[in-house]
N, C-alpha and C. Protein backbone atom coordinates (compact mmCIF):
# COMPACT_ATOMS: atom_id res chain seq x y z
N MET A 1 6.07 -19.10 8.47
CA MET A 1 5.45 -18.29 9.02
C MET A 1 4.33 -17.02 8.28
N SER A 2 3.18 -16.77 8.50
CA SER A 2 2.39 -15.81 7.92
C SER A 2 2.18 -14.75 8.89
N SER A 3 2.11 -13.50 8.39
CA SER A 3 1.42 -12.27 9.27
C SER A 3 0.47 -12.42 10.00
N ASN A 4 0.32 -11.92 10.88
CA ASN A 4 -1.15 -11.74 11.51
C ASN A 4 -1.96 -10.39 11.19
N LEU A 5 -2.53 -10.53 10.47
CA LEU A 5 -3.29 -9.31 9.99
C LEU A 5 -4.73 -9.24 10.76
N PRO A 6 -5.31 -8.11 10.90
CA PRO A 6 -6.61 -7.99 11.23
C PRO A 6 -8.01 -8.56 10.25
N ASP A 7 -8.71 -8.71 10.69
CA ASP A 7 -9.74 -9.08 10.13
C ASP A 7 -10.06 -7.91 9.06
N ARG A 8 -10.41 -8.40 7.76
CA ARG A 8 -10.99 -7.56 6.87
C ARG A 8 -12.37 -7.60 6.42
N HIS A 9 -12.99 -6.54 6.37
CA HIS A 9 -14.47 -6.58 6.05
C HIS A 9 -14.84 -5.09 5.06
N TRP A 10 -15.88 -5.22 4.52
CA TRP A 10 -16.33 -4.32 3.48
C TRP A 10 -16.76 -2.93 4.42
N PRO A 11 -16.28 -1.84 4.12
CA PRO A 11 -16.78 -0.58 4.51
C PRO A 11 -18.23 -0.35 4.70
N ARG A 12 -19.04 0.34 5.33
CA ARG A 12 -20.25 0.48 5.53
C ARG A 12 -21.02 0.63 4.36
N THR A 13 -21.99 0.07 4.11
CA THR A 13 -22.91 0.72 2.84
C THR A 13 -24.07 1.79 3.20
N ASN A 14 -23.98 2.13 4.42
CA ASN A 14 -25.03 3.45 4.80
C ASN A 14 -24.11 4.47 4.93
N ALA A 15 -22.70 4.67 4.59
CA ALA A 15 -21.95 5.63 5.12
C ALA A 15 -22.43 6.99 4.86
N ALA A 16 -22.11 7.84 5.36
CA ALA A 16 -22.65 9.54 5.25
C ALA A 16 -21.53 10.30 5.54
N ASP A 17 -20.23 9.52 6.11
CA ASP A 17 -19.25 10.66 6.09
C ASP A 17 -18.14 10.47 4.96
N GLU A 18 -18.03 11.25 4.12
CA GLU A 18 -17.07 10.49 2.99
C GLU A 18 -15.44 10.40 3.26
N MET A 19 -14.90 11.26 4.27
CA MET A 19 -13.55 10.70 4.61
C MET A 19 -13.43 9.37 5.47
N ARG A 20 -14.65 8.98 6.30
CA ARG A 20 -14.58 8.12 7.04
C ARG A 20 -14.72 6.82 5.85
N LEU A 21 -15.37 6.90 4.85
CA LEU A 21 -15.72 5.87 3.97
C LEU A 21 -14.32 5.74 3.15
N GLN A 22 -13.66 6.87 2.85
CA GLN A 22 -12.77 6.70 1.94
C GLN A 22 -11.40 5.98 3.10
N TRP A 23 -11.35 6.05 4.34
CA TRP A 23 -10.51 5.34 4.98
C TRP A 23 -10.80 4.17 5.27
N GLU A 24 -12.21 3.47 5.23
CA GLU A 24 -12.63 2.64 5.39
C GLU A 24 -12.10 1.54 4.01
N PHE A 25 -12.27 2.40 2.93
CA PHE A 25 -11.92 1.43 1.58
C PHE A 25 -10.53 1.48 1.44
N LEU A 26 -9.59 2.24 2.00
CA LEU A 26 -8.42 2.14 2.11
C LEU A 26 -7.91 1.16 2.91
N THR A 27 -8.44 0.84 3.85
CA THR A 27 -8.19 -0.04 4.93
C THR A 27 -8.40 -1.31 4.32
N PHE A 28 -9.77 -1.48 3.88
CA PHE A 28 -9.79 -2.84 3.03
C PHE A 28 -8.63 -3.14 2.00
N LEU A 29 -8.59 -2.16 1.28
CA LEU A 29 -7.67 -2.68 0.28
C LEU A 29 -6.20 -2.69 0.79
N ARG A 30 -5.77 -2.21 1.83
CA ARG A 30 -4.37 -2.63 2.47
C ARG A 30 -4.34 -3.92 2.81
N LEU A 31 -5.35 -4.21 3.68
CA LEU A 31 -5.43 -5.64 4.04
C LEU A 31 -5.54 -6.57 3.12
N THR A 32 -6.41 -6.28 1.90
CA THR A 32 -6.39 -7.10 0.74
C THR A 32 -4.99 -7.49 0.38
N ALA A 33 -4.08 -6.24 -0.09
CA ALA A 33 -2.83 -6.17 -0.50
C ALA A 33 -2.19 -7.18 0.32
N ALA A 34 -2.11 -6.95 1.88
CA ALA A 34 -1.13 -7.63 2.58
C ALA A 34 -1.59 -9.19 2.91
N SER A 35 -2.80 -9.30 2.57
CA SER A 35 -3.15 -10.58 2.76
C SER A 35 -2.72 -11.68 1.29
N LYS A 36 -2.57 -10.77 0.29
CA LYS A 36 -1.98 -11.47 -0.95
C LYS A 36 -0.46 -11.91 -0.76
N VAL A 37 0.04 -11.40 0.05
CA VAL A 37 1.82 -11.85 0.35
C VAL A 37 1.74 -12.46 1.41
N SER A 38 0.83 -12.45 2.65
CA SER A 38 1.09 -13.29 3.84
C SER A 38 0.94 -14.68 3.27
N GLY A 39 1.76 -15.51 3.96
CA GLY A 39 1.94 -16.83 3.80
C GLY A 39 2.87 -17.14 2.85
N LEU A 40 3.28 -16.67 1.87
CA LEU A 40 4.36 -16.73 1.10
C LEU A 40 5.36 -17.18 1.47
N SER A 41 6.35 -18.12 0.75
CA SER A 41 7.41 -18.01 1.16
C SER A 41 8.50 -17.03 0.49
N ARG A 42 9.55 -16.81 0.96
CA ARG A 42 10.57 -15.62 0.47
C ARG A 42 10.73 -15.97 -0.68
N GLU A 43 10.77 -17.20 -1.29
CA GLU A 43 11.18 -17.40 -2.85
C GLU A 43 10.16 -17.13 -3.65
N LEU A 44 8.84 -17.24 -3.37
CA LEU A 44 7.57 -17.21 -3.95
C LEU A 44 7.35 -15.57 -3.90
N GLY A 45 7.47 -14.88 -2.62
CA GLY A 45 7.08 -13.67 -2.61
C GLY A 45 8.32 -12.85 -3.25
N ALA A 46 9.25 -13.40 -3.72
CA ALA A 46 10.27 -12.79 -4.47
C ALA A 46 10.37 -12.89 -6.11
N ALA A 47 9.65 -14.16 -6.43
CA ALA A 47 9.15 -14.31 -7.57
C ALA A 47 8.82 -13.43 -8.76
N ALA A 48 9.64 -13.26 -10.00
CA ALA A 48 8.92 -12.06 -10.76
C ALA A 48 8.52 -13.20 -11.96
N PRO A 49 7.35 -13.35 -12.27
CA PRO A 49 6.82 -14.44 -13.16
C PRO A 49 6.95 -13.73 -14.47
N LEU A 50 6.69 -12.43 -14.47
CA LEU A 50 6.60 -11.80 -15.87
C LEU A 50 7.78 -11.47 -16.48
N PRO A 51 8.68 -12.17 -17.31
CA PRO A 51 9.48 -11.73 -18.16
C PRO A 51 10.04 -10.31 -18.59
N THR A 52 8.75 -9.58 -18.96
CA THR A 52 8.93 -8.38 -19.11
C THR A 52 8.90 -7.23 -17.79
N SER A 53 8.54 -8.00 -16.86
CA SER A 53 8.43 -6.78 -15.83
C SER A 53 9.34 -7.46 -14.63
N PRO A 54 10.52 -7.53 -14.67
CA PRO A 54 11.63 -8.28 -13.63
C PRO A 54 11.31 -7.77 -12.31
N VAL A 55 11.06 -6.44 -12.09
CA VAL A 55 10.51 -5.82 -10.61
C VAL A 55 9.27 -6.34 -10.01
N VAL A 56 8.57 -6.70 -11.03
CA VAL A 56 7.11 -6.87 -10.14
C VAL A 56 6.95 -8.14 -9.57
N THR A 57 6.84 -8.15 -8.28
CA THR A 57 6.90 -9.14 -7.37
C THR A 57 5.90 -9.07 -6.14
N ALA A 58 5.56 -10.00 -5.37
CA ALA A 58 4.57 -9.70 -4.54
C ALA A 58 5.24 -8.96 -3.40
N MET A 59 6.24 -9.13 -2.93
CA MET A 59 7.09 -8.31 -2.29
C MET A 59 7.32 -6.83 -2.51
N GLY A 60 7.65 -6.94 -3.88
CA GLY A 60 7.90 -5.54 -4.51
C GLY A 60 6.61 -4.69 -4.60
N VAL A 61 5.54 -5.26 -4.87
CA VAL A 61 4.33 -4.45 -4.93
C VAL A 61 4.31 -4.06 -3.46
N LEU A 62 4.19 -4.57 -2.47
CA LEU A 62 3.98 -4.31 -1.18
C LEU A 62 5.03 -3.02 -0.85
N LYS A 63 6.30 -3.22 -1.30
CA LYS A 63 7.18 -2.29 -1.07
C LYS A 63 6.98 -1.07 -1.65
N HIS A 64 6.31 -1.07 -2.94
CA HIS A 64 6.20 0.17 -3.52
C HIS A 64 4.83 0.75 -3.26
N LEU A 65 3.96 0.18 -2.57
CA LEU A 65 2.72 0.61 -2.09
C LEU A 65 3.22 1.37 -0.55
N THR A 66 4.16 1.03 0.00
CA THR A 66 4.75 1.51 1.15
C THR A 66 5.49 3.04 0.71
N ALA A 67 5.91 3.09 -0.28
CA ALA A 67 6.62 4.31 -0.86
C ALA A 67 5.43 5.10 -1.30
N VAL A 68 4.44 4.71 -1.87
CA VAL A 68 3.33 5.72 -2.43
C VAL A 68 2.50 6.15 -1.04
N GLU A 69 2.65 5.53 0.17
CA GLU A 69 1.95 5.97 1.13
C GLU A 69 2.69 6.99 1.89
N ARG A 70 4.03 6.58 2.00
CA ARG A 70 4.92 7.51 2.59
C ARG A 70 4.92 8.81 1.80
N TYR A 71 5.03 8.74 0.53
CA TYR A 71 4.97 10.26 -0.18
C TYR A 71 3.73 10.89 -0.37
N TRP A 72 2.78 10.34 -0.80
CA TRP A 72 1.65 11.10 -1.04
C TRP A 72 0.90 11.32 0.40
N MET A 73 0.58 10.54 1.25
CA MET A 73 -0.02 10.57 2.70
C MET A 73 0.86 11.51 3.54
N SER A 74 2.08 10.86 4.00
CA SER A 74 2.67 11.27 4.98
C SER A 74 3.75 12.83 4.54
N ILE A 75 4.39 12.54 3.55
CA ILE A 75 5.05 13.89 2.89
C ILE A 75 4.35 15.05 2.55
N ILE A 76 3.28 14.57 1.15
CA ILE A 76 2.38 15.66 0.74
C ILE A 76 1.48 15.93 1.31
N GLY A 77 0.57 15.03 1.74
CA GLY A 77 -0.40 15.33 2.45
C GLY A 77 -0.23 16.22 3.78
N GLY A 78 0.56 15.19 4.63
CA GLY A 78 0.73 15.95 6.05
C GLY A 78 1.95 16.83 6.32
N GLY A 79 2.61 16.83 5.31
CA GLY A 79 4.31 17.66 5.56
C GLY A 79 5.07 17.18 6.63
N SER A 80 4.94 15.47 6.90
CA SER A 80 6.25 14.97 7.57
C SER A 80 7.20 14.92 7.18
N ASP A 81 8.40 15.22 7.97
CA ASP A 81 9.71 15.23 7.59
C ASP A 81 10.36 13.95 7.55
N LEU A 82 9.69 12.90 6.82
CA LEU A 82 10.58 11.45 6.85
C LEU A 82 11.13 11.55 5.21
N PRO A 83 12.07 10.61 5.09
CA PRO A 83 12.50 10.39 3.78
C PRO A 83 11.78 9.75 2.88
N GLU A 84 11.68 10.25 1.60
CA GLU A 84 11.12 9.31 0.70
C GLU A 84 11.50 8.04 0.29
N LEU A 85 11.01 6.98 -0.25
CA LEU A 85 11.21 5.83 -0.29
C LEU A 85 11.38 5.09 -1.84
N TRP A 86 11.00 6.51 -2.48
CA TRP A 86 11.59 6.04 -3.98
C TRP A 86 12.79 5.38 -4.47
N GLY A 87 13.83 6.30 -4.01
CA GLY A 87 15.01 5.66 -4.43
C GLY A 87 15.67 6.50 -5.36
N ALA A 88 16.47 5.88 -6.26
CA ALA A 88 17.20 6.65 -7.36
C ALA A 88 16.70 6.61 -8.66
N ASP A 89 15.79 5.35 -8.74
CA ASP A 89 15.52 5.35 -10.19
C ASP A 89 13.87 4.80 -9.85
N ALA A 90 13.14 4.73 -11.09
CA ALA A 90 11.86 4.26 -11.04
C ALA A 90 11.14 2.94 -10.52
N ASP A 91 12.53 2.13 -10.67
CA ASP A 91 12.24 0.39 -10.31
C ASP A 91 12.81 0.65 -8.76
N ALA A 92 13.32 1.27 -8.09
CA ALA A 92 13.70 1.04 -6.67
C ALA A 92 12.77 0.89 -5.54
N SER A 93 11.80 1.62 -5.84
CA SER A 93 10.64 1.45 -4.92
C SER A 93 10.01 0.13 -4.94
N TRP A 94 10.39 -0.76 -5.62
CA TRP A 94 9.97 -2.31 -6.00
C TRP A 94 10.77 -2.98 -5.43
N THR A 95 11.86 -2.65 -5.00
CA THR A 95 13.23 -3.85 -4.90
C THR A 95 13.38 -3.94 -3.26
N PHE A 96 13.86 -4.78 -3.11
CA PHE A 96 14.05 -5.43 -1.29
C PHE A 96 15.38 -6.06 -1.48
N GLY A 97 15.84 -6.02 -0.02
CA GLY A 97 17.09 -6.76 0.08
C GLY A 97 16.91 -8.14 0.35
N PRO A 98 18.23 -8.85 0.57
CA PRO A 98 17.80 -10.34 0.90
C PRO A 98 17.63 -10.79 2.05
N GLU A 99 17.78 -9.71 3.14
CA GLU A 99 17.11 -9.94 4.50
C GLU A 99 15.48 -9.85 4.58
N GLU A 100 15.03 -9.25 3.65
CA GLU A 100 13.81 -8.69 3.52
C GLU A 100 12.72 -10.24 3.28
N THR A 101 11.73 -10.37 3.93
CA THR A 101 10.93 -11.45 3.96
C THR A 101 9.24 -11.00 3.26
N PRO A 102 8.58 -11.74 3.06
CA PRO A 102 7.09 -11.45 3.14
C PRO A 102 6.61 -10.78 4.23
N ASP A 103 6.84 -11.53 5.71
CA ASP A 103 6.64 -11.00 6.86
C ASP A 103 6.89 -9.68 7.24
N SER A 104 8.56 -9.29 6.95
CA SER A 104 9.14 -8.23 7.18
C SER A 104 8.39 -6.93 6.29
N VAL A 105 7.98 -7.14 4.87
CA VAL A 105 7.66 -6.21 4.16
C VAL A 105 6.04 -5.96 4.61
N ILE A 106 5.38 -7.03 4.97
CA ILE A 106 3.89 -6.42 5.53
C ILE A 106 4.09 -6.04 6.61
N ALA A 107 4.90 -6.30 7.62
CA ALA A 107 5.28 -5.22 8.79
C ALA A 107 5.46 -3.83 8.54
N ASP A 108 6.29 -3.76 7.40
CA ASP A 108 6.87 -2.26 7.01
C ASP A 108 5.53 -1.35 6.31
N TYR A 109 4.86 -2.13 5.95
CA TYR A 109 3.55 -1.48 4.71
C TYR A 109 2.59 -1.26 6.04
N GLN A 110 2.28 -2.38 7.17
CA GLN A 110 1.50 -1.93 8.04
C GLN A 110 2.04 -0.57 8.78
N ALA A 111 3.18 -0.76 9.31
CA ALA A 111 3.85 0.42 10.26
C ALA A 111 3.66 2.02 9.46
N GLU A 112 3.81 1.75 7.91
CA GLU A 112 3.62 3.02 7.28
C GLU A 112 2.04 3.56 7.19
N TRP A 113 1.15 2.78 7.29
CA TRP A 113 -0.35 3.16 7.58
C TRP A 113 -0.68 4.09 8.86
N GLU A 114 0.16 3.65 9.74
CA GLU A 114 0.01 4.24 11.21
C GLU A 114 0.47 5.62 10.97
N LEU A 115 1.75 5.63 10.58
CA LEU A 115 2.14 7.18 9.82
C LEU A 115 1.45 8.02 9.37
N SER A 116 0.77 7.53 8.00
CA SER A 116 -0.16 7.84 7.02
C SER A 116 -1.37 8.69 7.85
N GLU A 117 -2.04 7.74 8.47
CA GLU A 117 -3.04 8.24 9.51
C GLU A 117 -2.65 9.39 10.31
N LYS A 118 -1.43 9.31 11.02
CA LYS A 118 -1.19 10.19 11.93
C LYS A 118 -0.96 11.46 11.09
N ALA A 119 -0.45 11.33 9.96
CA ALA A 119 0.02 12.79 9.17
C ALA A 119 -1.07 13.38 8.82
N LEU A 120 -2.52 12.61 8.44
CA LEU A 120 -3.70 13.17 8.14
C LEU A 120 -4.73 13.44 8.98
N ALA A 121 -4.29 13.06 10.18
CA ALA A 121 -5.25 13.20 11.61
C ALA A 121 -5.92 14.42 11.51
N GLY A 122 -7.27 14.75 11.46
CA GLY A 122 -8.11 15.79 12.00
C GLY A 122 -7.77 16.87 10.50
N ARG A 123 -7.48 16.12 9.37
CA ARG A 123 -7.58 17.02 8.18
C ARG A 123 -8.80 17.08 7.32
N GLY A 124 -9.29 18.10 6.76
CA GLY A 124 -10.63 17.74 6.00
C GLY A 124 -10.50 17.36 4.69
N PRO A 125 -11.23 17.05 4.11
CA PRO A 125 -11.29 16.61 2.42
C PRO A 125 -11.03 17.95 1.63
N ASP A 126 -11.46 19.02 1.94
CA ASP A 126 -11.10 20.39 1.27
C ASP A 126 -10.01 21.20 1.44
N GLU A 127 -9.20 20.68 2.52
CA GLU A 127 -7.98 21.44 3.02
C GLU A 127 -6.98 21.13 1.93
N PRO A 128 -6.18 22.09 1.73
CA PRO A 128 -4.88 21.72 0.80
C PRO A 128 -4.05 21.15 1.75
N THR A 129 -2.81 20.45 0.57
CA THR A 129 -1.89 19.54 1.07
C THR A 129 -0.72 20.41 1.78
N ALA A 130 -0.29 19.77 2.98
CA ALA A 130 0.75 20.69 3.49
C ALA A 130 1.81 21.10 2.65
N VAL A 131 2.39 20.18 1.79
CA VAL A 131 3.49 20.75 0.94
C VAL A 131 2.36 21.17 -0.23
N PRO A 132 2.79 22.47 -0.49
CA PRO A 132 1.77 23.46 -1.79
C PRO A 132 2.11 22.55 -2.73
N ASP A 133 0.83 22.01 -3.42
CA ASP A 133 1.02 21.18 -4.59
C ASP A 133 -0.54 21.11 -5.23
N ASP A 134 -1.32 22.21 -5.26
CA ASP A 134 -2.54 22.49 -5.93
C ASP A 134 -3.26 21.38 -5.62
N LYS A 135 -3.35 20.74 -4.49
CA LYS A 135 -4.08 19.32 -4.31
C LYS A 135 -4.68 19.47 -2.89
N THR A 136 -5.70 18.84 -2.75
CA THR A 136 -6.75 18.65 -1.25
C THR A 136 -6.16 17.33 -0.94
N ILE A 137 -6.41 17.22 0.41
CA ILE A 137 -6.56 15.82 1.00
C ILE A 137 -7.29 15.07 0.45
N ARG A 138 -8.66 15.08 0.16
CA ARG A 138 -9.41 14.60 -0.60
C ARG A 138 -8.79 13.86 -2.03
N TRP A 139 -7.92 14.61 -2.87
CA TRP A 139 -7.24 14.04 -3.98
C TRP A 139 -6.15 12.99 -3.54
N ILE A 140 -5.47 13.24 -2.43
CA ILE A 140 -4.58 12.76 -1.94
C ILE A 140 -5.00 11.17 -1.48
N LEU A 141 -6.10 11.30 -0.60
CA LEU A 141 -6.50 10.37 -0.19
C LEU A 141 -7.26 9.15 -1.61
N VAL A 142 -7.97 9.94 -2.43
CA VAL A 142 -8.41 9.22 -3.57
C VAL A 142 -7.25 8.56 -4.47
N HIS A 143 -6.23 9.15 -4.64
CA HIS A 143 -5.33 8.95 -5.41
C HIS A 143 -4.56 7.64 -4.65
N VAL A 144 -4.58 7.60 -3.22
CA VAL A 144 -3.68 6.21 -2.81
C VAL A 144 -4.61 5.14 -2.71
N ILE A 145 -5.90 5.49 -2.61
CA ILE A 145 -6.85 4.55 -2.92
C ILE A 145 -6.68 3.61 -4.14
N GLN A 146 -7.03 4.46 -5.29
CA GLN A 146 -6.79 4.12 -6.64
C GLN A 146 -5.36 3.38 -7.21
N GLU A 147 -4.45 3.81 -6.44
CA GLU A 147 -3.08 3.31 -6.74
C GLU A 147 -2.96 1.94 -5.66
N THR A 148 -3.56 1.94 -4.60
CA THR A 148 -3.66 0.62 -3.82
C THR A 148 -4.68 -0.32 -4.52
N ALA A 149 -5.81 -0.32 -4.79
CA ALA A 149 -6.68 -0.98 -5.92
C ALA A 149 -6.18 -1.61 -6.96
N ARG A 150 -5.00 -0.66 -7.85
CA ARG A 150 -4.73 -1.12 -9.04
C ARG A 150 -3.64 -2.38 -8.70
N HIS A 151 -2.81 -1.98 -7.90
CA HIS A 151 -1.81 -3.12 -7.49
C HIS A 151 -2.71 -3.99 -6.79
N VAL A 152 -3.49 -3.95 -5.85
CA VAL A 152 -4.08 -5.30 -5.59
C VAL A 152 -4.42 -6.02 -6.83
N GLY A 153 -4.90 -5.90 -7.74
CA GLY A 153 -5.22 -6.70 -9.22
C GLY A 153 -3.98 -7.38 -9.35
N HIS A 154 -2.65 -6.54 -9.41
CA HIS A 154 -1.30 -7.36 -9.71
C HIS A 154 -1.38 -8.10 -8.74
N LEU A 155 -1.65 -8.05 -7.39
CA LEU A 155 -1.16 -9.02 -6.26
C LEU A 155 -2.12 -10.28 -6.78
N ASP A 156 -3.29 -10.09 -7.15
CA ASP A 156 -4.36 -11.27 -7.31
C ASP A 156 -3.54 -12.17 -8.59
N PHE A 157 -2.87 -11.79 -9.37
CA PHE A 157 -2.15 -12.35 -10.46
C PHE A 157 -1.09 -13.20 -9.83
N LEU A 158 -0.05 -12.24 -9.31
CA LEU A 158 0.94 -13.06 -8.57
C LEU A 158 0.97 -14.14 -7.68
N ARG A 159 -0.16 -14.04 -6.95
CA ARG A 159 -0.40 -14.84 -5.63
C ARG A 159 -1.15 -16.19 -6.60
N GLU A 160 -1.75 -15.95 -7.58
CA GLU A 160 -2.20 -16.95 -8.35
C GLU A 160 -1.13 -17.71 -8.82
N LEU A 161 -0.36 -16.91 -9.58
CA LEU A 161 0.81 -17.61 -10.23
C LEU A 161 1.93 -18.08 -9.18
N ALA A 162 1.89 -17.73 -8.12
CA ALA A 162 2.80 -18.29 -7.19
C ALA A 162 2.41 -19.73 -6.46
N ASP A 163 1.24 -19.61 -6.06
CA ASP A 163 0.93 -21.06 -5.40
C ASP A 163 -0.65 -21.40 -5.85
N GLY A 164 -1.09 -20.65 -6.74
CA GLY A 164 -2.49 -21.10 -7.03
C GLY A 164 -3.75 -20.64 -6.17
N GLU A 165 -3.23 -19.63 -5.22
CA GLU A 165 -4.43 -19.22 -4.32
C GLU A 165 -5.38 -18.37 -4.98
N LYS A 166 -6.71 -18.47 -4.87
CA LYS A 166 -7.48 -17.29 -5.93
C LYS A 166 -8.13 -16.69 -4.22
N GLY A 167 -8.88 -15.80 -4.61
CA GLY A 167 -9.69 -15.09 -3.93
C GLY A 167 -9.62 -13.65 -3.70
N GLU A 168 -10.52 -13.05 -3.36
CA GLU A 168 -10.55 -11.63 -3.00
C GLU A 168 -9.56 -11.18 -2.00
């Protein structure tokens, strides 16, 4: 059973509002990432086809992106009192339990989007982050966009290696 994702569409090309455009690109990238995992069996979603990168799996990438959003958007950007999802070591955000499936990992990722959006609601691009870090909301949002885009590229290859599916 695959996840029920909203339709994905490119951001407006005549955008005049910087923050709206950034949120639209992030939404596009989030949906692209989730669609790369949607429909995979647990076995294929948990497969690590690169011997030198044993934690790089389709499900692991989404787990990591969930941790990225939690930390940067909700905690640093918005000051939310939520636990970090990084874990004890660098690989912890890429791991998942035996009960987790592609659908459950997608659902967790989607739930994090709502938390991120609430944490930054009403914040302007030039405002400092809630946790003093010498960064602005603009920096946080662009950082999460670039991190998501980078990992969408990984998901392109992971999906193609898993079942041959290609596409944007």
